[in-house]
Protein backbone atom coordinates (compact mmCIF):
# COMPACT_ATOMS: atom_id res chain seq x y z
CA MET A 1 -13.97 -25.53 -66.80
CA SER A 2 -13.78 -22.12 -65.84
CA PRO A 3 -17.12 -21.48 -67.86
CA ILE A 4 -16.92 -17.53 -66.85
CA GLY A 5 -13.50 -17.48 -66.25
CA GLY A 6 -10.69 -17.66 -69.03
CA ASN A 7 -8.03 -20.18 -70.33
CA GLY A 8 -5.52 -19.67 -67.09
CA ALA A 9 -3.75 -23.01 -65.56
CA ALA A 10 -5.90 -25.47 -63.33
CA SER A 11 -5.01 -27.65 -60.90
CA VAL A 12 -7.05 -30.46 -58.77
CA ARG A 13 -7.09 -30.83 -55.20
CA GLN A 14 -9.03 -31.22 -52.15
CA VAL A 15 -10.12 -27.96 -50.13
CA SER A 16 -11.87 -27.20 -46.86
CA THR A 17 -15.58 -25.24 -46.54
CA ASP A 18 -13.77 -22.07 -45.78
CA GLU A 19 -10.96 -22.05 -48.16
CA TYR A 20 -13.51 -22.06 -51.28
CA LEU A 21 -15.67 -19.68 -50.20
CA GLU A 22 -12.89 -17.32 -49.15
CA LEU A 23 -11.11 -17.58 -52.14
CA ASN A 24 -14.01 -17.30 -54.46
CA ARG A 25 -15.71 -14.44 -52.57
CA THR A 26 -12.03 -12.65 -52.80
CA ASN A 27 -12.12 -13.60 -56.50
CA TRP A 28 -15.57 -11.83 -56.85
CA ASP A 29 -14.51 -8.97 -55.19
CA ALA A 30 -11.68 -8.23 -57.40
CA ARG A 31 -13.80 -8.85 -60.22
CA ALA A 32 -16.72 -6.37 -59.29
CA SER A 33 -14.98 -3.17 -60.29
CA VAL A 34 -13.47 -4.93 -63.41
CA HIS A 35 -17.10 -6.14 -64.82
CA ALA A 36 -18.76 -2.75 -63.42
CA GLN A 37 -17.03 -0.83 -66.46
CA GLY A 38 -19.63 -3.14 -69.00
CA TYR A 39 -22.12 -5.67 -68.42
CA GLY A 40 -24.70 -3.30 -70.29
CA ILE A 41 -25.11 -0.81 -66.92
CA ASP A 42 -24.91 2.04 -68.81
CA ARG A 43 -27.52 1.32 -71.11
CA LEU A 44 -30.01 0.39 -68.20
CA LEU A 45 -29.39 3.44 -66.66
CA ALA A 46 -29.98 5.23 -69.97
CA ASP A 47 -33.51 3.64 -70.60
CA PRO A 48 -35.56 2.89 -67.59
CA ASP A 49 -37.50 -0.48 -69.83
CA ALA A 50 -34.11 -1.97 -70.92
CA LEU A 51 -33.64 -5.53 -69.79
CA SER A 52 -30.20 -7.25 -69.09
CA ALA A 53 -29.61 -9.35 -72.04
CA VAL A 54 -29.97 -12.59 -70.22
CA VAL A 55 -33.31 -11.81 -68.50
CA ALA A 56 -34.51 -11.18 -72.14
CA PHE A 57 -33.56 -14.57 -73.32
CA ASP A 58 -35.18 -16.14 -70.25
CA ARG A 59 -38.40 -14.04 -70.98
CA PRO A 60 -40.41 -16.75 -72.88
CA ARG A 61 -39.73 -19.69 -70.46
CA LEU A 62 -39.92 -17.29 -67.42
CA GLY A 63 -43.37 -15.88 -67.35
CA ASP A 64 -45.55 -13.44 -65.73
CA VAL A 65 -43.39 -12.20 -62.92
CA ALA A 66 -45.39 -9.50 -61.69
CA GLY A 67 -46.62 -9.19 -58.08
CA LEU A 68 -44.26 -12.15 -56.83
CA ASP A 69 -41.71 -12.29 -54.22
CA VAL A 70 -38.41 -13.50 -55.76
CA VAL A 71 -34.86 -14.09 -54.58
CA HIS A 72 -32.20 -14.06 -56.78
CA LEU A 73 -29.31 -16.19 -55.90
CA GLN A 74 -25.75 -15.19 -56.40
CA CYS A 75 -26.76 -11.88 -58.10
CA HIS A 76 -23.40 -10.19 -58.66
CA LEU A 77 -23.47 -6.74 -60.07
CA GLY A 78 -27.45 -7.04 -60.07
CA THR A 79 -28.02 -6.08 -63.57
CA ASP A 80 -30.31 -9.04 -63.71
CA THR A 81 -32.00 -8.61 -60.52
CA LEU A 82 -33.04 -4.83 -61.34
CA SER A 83 -34.60 -6.23 -65.00
CA LEU A 84 -36.75 -8.79 -62.84
CA ALA A 85 -37.79 -5.81 -60.55
CA ARG A 86 -38.30 -3.77 -63.87
CA LEU A 87 -41.02 -6.85 -64.56
CA GLY A 88 -42.96 -6.11 -61.56
CA ALA A 89 -41.52 -8.60 -59.27
CA GLN A 90 -40.12 -7.78 -55.59
CA VAL A 91 -36.83 -8.98 -55.47
CA THR A 92 -34.05 -9.90 -53.10
CA GLY A 93 -30.68 -10.00 -54.14
CA VAL A 94 -28.27 -12.77 -52.85
CA ASP A 95 -24.59 -12.77 -53.00
CA LEU A 96 -21.16 -13.82 -51.70
CA SER A 97 -19.41 -10.78 -52.62
CA GLY A 98 -19.78 -7.84 -50.72
CA THR A 99 -18.21 -5.51 -53.32
CA SER A 100 -20.26 -6.83 -55.82
CA LEU A 101 -23.27 -6.16 -54.10
CA ASP A 102 -21.91 -2.85 -53.43
CA GLU A 103 -21.94 -2.14 -57.03
CA ALA A 104 -25.61 -3.75 -57.04
CA ARG A 105 -26.90 -1.19 -54.75
CA SER A 106 -25.63 1.51 -56.61
CA LEU A 107 -27.10 0.61 -59.84
CA ALA A 108 -30.65 0.12 -58.17
CA GLN A 109 -30.12 3.40 -56.39
CA ARG A 110 -29.61 5.20 -59.73
CA ALA A 111 -31.86 3.23 -61.04
CA GLY A 112 -34.70 4.35 -58.42
CA ALA A 113 -35.36 0.85 -57.89
CA ASP A 114 -36.25 -0.82 -54.50
CA ILE A 115 -34.08 -4.13 -54.10
CA GLU A 116 -33.19 -5.33 -50.98
CA TYR A 117 -29.66 -6.81 -51.11
CA VAL A 118 -28.08 -9.60 -48.69
CA GLN A 119 -24.47 -11.17 -48.66
CA SER A 120 -24.29 -14.68 -47.97
CA ASP A 121 -23.52 -18.13 -49.55
CA VAL A 122 -25.84 -19.82 -51.30
CA TYR A 123 -26.09 -22.42 -49.00
CA ALA A 124 -26.50 -20.32 -45.87
CA ALA A 125 -29.01 -18.08 -47.70
CA PRO A 126 -32.12 -19.18 -45.53
CA GLU A 127 -30.80 -18.49 -42.20
CA ALA A 128 -29.68 -15.42 -44.02
CA LEU A 129 -32.74 -14.01 -45.24
CA ASP A 130 -34.65 -15.37 -41.78
CA GLY A 131 -36.30 -18.09 -42.92
CA ARG A 132 -38.61 -16.08 -45.14
CA ARG A 133 -40.03 -18.26 -48.35
CA PHE A 134 -40.30 -16.95 -51.95
CA ASP A 135 -42.70 -17.37 -55.15
CA LEU A 136 -39.97 -17.80 -57.29
CA VAL A 137 -36.35 -18.65 -56.71
CA TYR A 138 -34.17 -17.16 -59.54
CA THR A 139 -30.59 -18.21 -60.62
CA GLY A 140 -28.83 -16.80 -63.41
CA ILE A 141 -25.87 -18.00 -65.89
CA GLY A 142 -22.57 -19.33 -64.55
CA ALA A 143 -23.80 -19.72 -61.22
CA ILE A 144 -24.15 -23.36 -59.83
CA CYS A 145 -20.12 -23.75 -60.79
CA TRP A 146 -18.90 -22.06 -57.89
CA LEU A 147 -20.95 -24.34 -55.60
CA PRO A 148 -19.22 -27.64 -54.43
CA ASN A 149 -22.65 -29.96 -53.79
CA ILE A 150 -25.51 -29.47 -55.97
CA ARG A 151 -27.84 -31.76 -54.30
CA ARG A 152 -27.36 -29.22 -51.26
CA TRP A 153 -27.93 -26.35 -53.77
CA ALA A 154 -31.33 -27.78 -54.67
CA GLN A 155 -32.11 -28.88 -51.10
CA THR A 156 -31.52 -24.77 -50.28
CA VAL A 157 -33.45 -23.97 -53.42
CA ALA A 158 -36.34 -25.99 -51.71
CA ALA A 159 -36.14 -24.25 -48.53
CA LEU A 160 -36.55 -20.86 -49.95
CA LEU A 161 -39.90 -21.49 -51.95
CA ARG A 162 -43.42 -21.23 -50.65
CA PRO A 163 -45.63 -24.38 -51.40
CA GLY A 164 -46.21 -23.59 -54.88
CA GLY A 165 -43.09 -21.34 -55.53
CA ARG A 166 -41.12 -22.01 -58.88
CA LEU A 167 -37.24 -22.57 -59.50
CA PHE A 168 -35.88 -21.16 -62.48
CA ILE A 169 -32.37 -21.51 -63.83
CA ARG A 170 -30.70 -20.91 -66.79
CA ASP A 171 -26.91 -21.88 -66.41
CA GLY A 172 -23.85 -23.18 -68.22
CA HIS A 173 -24.28 -26.26 -69.90
CA PRO A 174 -22.05 -29.22 -68.00
CA VAL A 175 -21.16 -30.30 -71.64
CA LEU A 176 -19.99 -26.61 -72.57
CA ASN A 177 -18.10 -26.79 -69.03
CA SER A 178 -16.37 -29.88 -69.98
CA ALA A 179 -14.95 -28.61 -73.08
CA LEU A 180 -11.79 -26.64 -74.36
CA ALA A 181 -10.67 -25.70 -77.60
CA MET A 182 -8.01 -28.07 -79.10
CA THR A 183 -5.89 -28.59 -81.87
CA VAL A 184 -6.36 -31.80 -83.52
CA GLY A 185 -3.67 -33.87 -84.80
CA ALA A 186 -4.55 -36.28 -86.70
CA ASP A 187 -7.46 -37.45 -89.00
CA HIS A 188 -10.34 -39.57 -87.82
CA VAL A 189 -11.33 -42.79 -90.06
CA ASP A 190 -14.76 -41.59 -90.21
CA ARG A 191 -13.51 -38.42 -91.71
CA GLU A 192 -13.50 -40.10 -95.27
CA GLN A 193 -17.58 -40.78 -94.42
CA GLN A 194 -18.52 -37.34 -92.46
CA PRO A 195 -16.08 -34.78 -94.54
CA TRP A 196 -16.82 -32.16 -92.14
CA ILE A 197 -15.27 -33.56 -89.01
CA THR A 198 -12.66 -31.38 -88.07
CA GLY A 199 -9.34 -32.26 -89.73
CA PRO A 200 -5.71 -32.37 -88.85
CA GLY A 201 -4.32 -28.59 -87.94
CA ALA A 202 -8.00 -27.09 -87.12
CA THR A 203 -9.39 -26.39 -83.78
CA THR A 204 -12.46 -27.69 -82.33
CA LEU A 205 -13.78 -28.54 -78.92
CA ALA A 206 -12.60 -31.26 -77.33
CA LEU A 207 -14.40 -32.86 -73.51
CA GLU A 208 -10.93 -32.47 -71.61
CA LEU A 209 -12.40 -31.38 -68.01
CA PRO A 210 -14.73 -33.41 -65.67
CA TYR A 211 -18.46 -33.38 -66.50
CA PHE A 212 -19.47 -35.01 -62.93
CA GLU A 213 -19.06 -33.52 -60.17
CA GLN A 214 -16.15 -34.41 -58.23
CA THR A 215 -15.11 -34.00 -54.81
CA GLU A 216 -12.08 -31.65 -55.85
CA PRO A 217 -12.56 -28.79 -57.26
CA LEU A 218 -10.90 -27.20 -60.43
CA VAL A 219 -8.80 -24.36 -59.04
CA TRP A 220 -8.24 -21.62 -61.65
CA ASN A 221 -5.67 -18.56 -62.09
CA ASP A 222 -7.24 -16.04 -64.55
CA GLU A 223 -5.68 -13.10 -64.86
CA TYR A 224 -8.62 -12.01 -66.80
CA SER A 225 -12.32 -12.22 -66.77
CA TYR A 226 -14.78 -12.42 -69.25
CA ALA A 227 -16.05 -9.08 -68.96
CA GLY A 228 -13.87 -5.70 -68.61
CA ALA A 229 -10.30 -4.99 -69.73
CA ASP A 230 -8.46 -4.69 -66.84
CA LYS A 231 -6.77 -7.47 -64.95
CA VAL A 232 -8.11 -9.09 -61.79
CA ALA A 233 -6.68 -8.31 -58.71
CA GLN A 234 -7.14 -11.78 -57.39
CA PRO A 235 -7.00 -13.94 -60.20
CA ARG A 236 -7.53 -17.23 -58.36
CA SER A 237 -10.89 -18.98 -57.80
CA MET A 238 -12.31 -22.59 -57.60
CA GLU A 239 -15.23 -24.50 -59.49
CA TRP A 240 -16.85 -27.66 -60.08
CA ASN A 241 -19.12 -28.97 -63.00
CA HIS A 242 -22.44 -30.82 -62.24
CA GLY A 243 -23.62 -33.01 -64.66
CA LEU A 244 -27.15 -32.46 -66.19
CA GLY A 245 -28.60 -35.99 -64.92
CA GLU A 246 -27.27 -34.93 -61.54
CA ILE A 247 -28.53 -31.69 -61.63
CA VAL A 248 -32.27 -32.79 -62.49
CA THR A 249 -31.94 -35.54 -59.66
CA ALA A 250 -31.10 -33.46 -57.30
CA VAL A 251 -33.81 -31.11 -57.90
CA LEU A 252 -36.54 -34.29 -57.70
CA ASP A 253 -34.97 -35.95 -54.58
CA ALA A 254 -35.25 -32.00 -53.11
CA GLY A 255 -39.13 -32.58 -53.35
CA LEU A 256 -39.56 -30.52 -56.44
CA GLU A 257 -41.37 -31.02 -59.73
CA LEU A 258 -39.69 -30.50 -62.81
CA THR A 259 -42.01 -28.36 -65.14
CA SER A 260 -39.43 -28.00 -67.78
CA LEU A 261 -35.84 -28.75 -69.47
CA THR A 262 -34.34 -27.06 -72.53
CA GLU A 263 -31.14 -27.18 -73.83
CA HIS A 264 -29.62 -23.89 -75.75
CA ASP A 265 -27.23 -24.03 -78.53
CA SER A 266 -25.81 -20.44 -77.14
CA ALA A 267 -24.69 -18.76 -74.30
CA PRO A 268 -24.26 -15.01 -73.41
CA TRP A 269 -20.70 -14.94 -73.36
CA GLU A 270 -17.85 -16.14 -75.10
CA ALA A 271 -16.90 -19.26 -73.73
CA LEU A 272 -14.83 -21.08 -76.26
CA PRO A 273 -13.02 -17.91 -77.96
CA GLU A 274 -11.45 -19.62 -81.01
CA LEU A 275 -14.29 -20.97 -81.67
CA MET A 276 -17.50 -18.89 -80.86
CA VAL A 277 -19.22 -16.10 -82.96
CA LEU A 278 -21.76 -13.42 -81.80
CA ASP A 279 -25.58 -13.89 -82.77
CA GLU A 280 -26.26 -9.89 -82.47
CA GLY A 281 -29.95 -11.10 -83.20
CA VAL A 282 -30.29 -12.37 -79.34
CA ASP A 283 -26.73 -11.21 -78.67
CA GLU A 284 -25.55 -14.78 -77.41
CA TYR A 285 -22.49 -16.75 -78.81
CA ARG A 286 -22.71 -20.27 -80.79
CA LEU A 287 -20.24 -22.19 -82.42
CA ARG A 288 -19.03 -20.76 -85.55
CA ASP A 289 -19.07 -24.29 -87.23
CA ARG A 290 -21.83 -26.89 -86.60
CA PRO A 291 -23.72 -25.20 -83.76
CA GLU A 292 -25.72 -28.37 -83.45
CA ARG A 293 -22.85 -29.98 -82.08
CA LEU A 294 -22.78 -28.18 -78.42
CA PRO A 295 -25.51 -27.82 -75.76
CA ALA A 296 -24.35 -24.38 -74.42
CA THR A 297 -26.89 -23.66 -71.90
CA PHE A 298 -29.78 -25.14 -70.26
CA THR A 299 -33.03 -23.86 -68.59
CA LEU A 300 -34.50 -25.90 -65.91
CA THR A 301 -37.77 -24.86 -64.50
CA ALA A 302 -39.42 -26.61 -61.36
CA ARG A 303 -42.11 -26.33 -58.73
CA ARG A 304 -42.58 -27.00 -54.83
CA ARG A 305 -45.48 -28.98 -54.29
């Protein structure tokens, strides 16, 4: 699937919890210095009012966060974390990668922002945060694919929220995570009636990877990441997709009340390089041809009763 990875070779096999955490931690440690070359960091430092493109996109659905106690899970370099702080939230960032957190702390210091960062995997976050409860759990783009069990993720979110607290997640849509760019080999019979259906020799998206959560991960070996030009020193990672119904059901079963679910035809990274084009107006990528075919990302909000 590699929704924020690349087009490297993948294999499927069973792994232990320690193995996937160590592999993904070292992969994100290796990505951190590569990503620090970009990620819009210079723009954030040049303008004290600037927000990351991700948080700017989220604002209409995120609502007012001023004065809220917020935990940002899987915060990586902290660009979105800093943006939430600039919107008036008191933010704590959590990430598995210590090297990513070093970059995040450096960014916060240079930006003059008071942000606490804690190293932890997602499932261990309630303990790592000493049982603290928050007004808002924020999870940004490209996050939950690194977690093997979506139900456990939702239970973790519920444990981090105080009564009345909110969950906000925008992430890659599981349909996008299932898709690869493929060349069409033969004409489809329905193309006589619907001539816009992709014809032989052209490239289109195909659902080739798991949509529903599987026990075994996809193991990827991507020498280049989705941001930055340099090779990643430790290129291997493990990912899991989670169907949209599985995500919603996990949230409901964790005792949260669903307040909105929105699907978007764009994503903030070029997930299908041969097929997508940048919309500079929103700094997002969507399919060049018939973008209405693909739910690229989704936003889900929920509240703890």
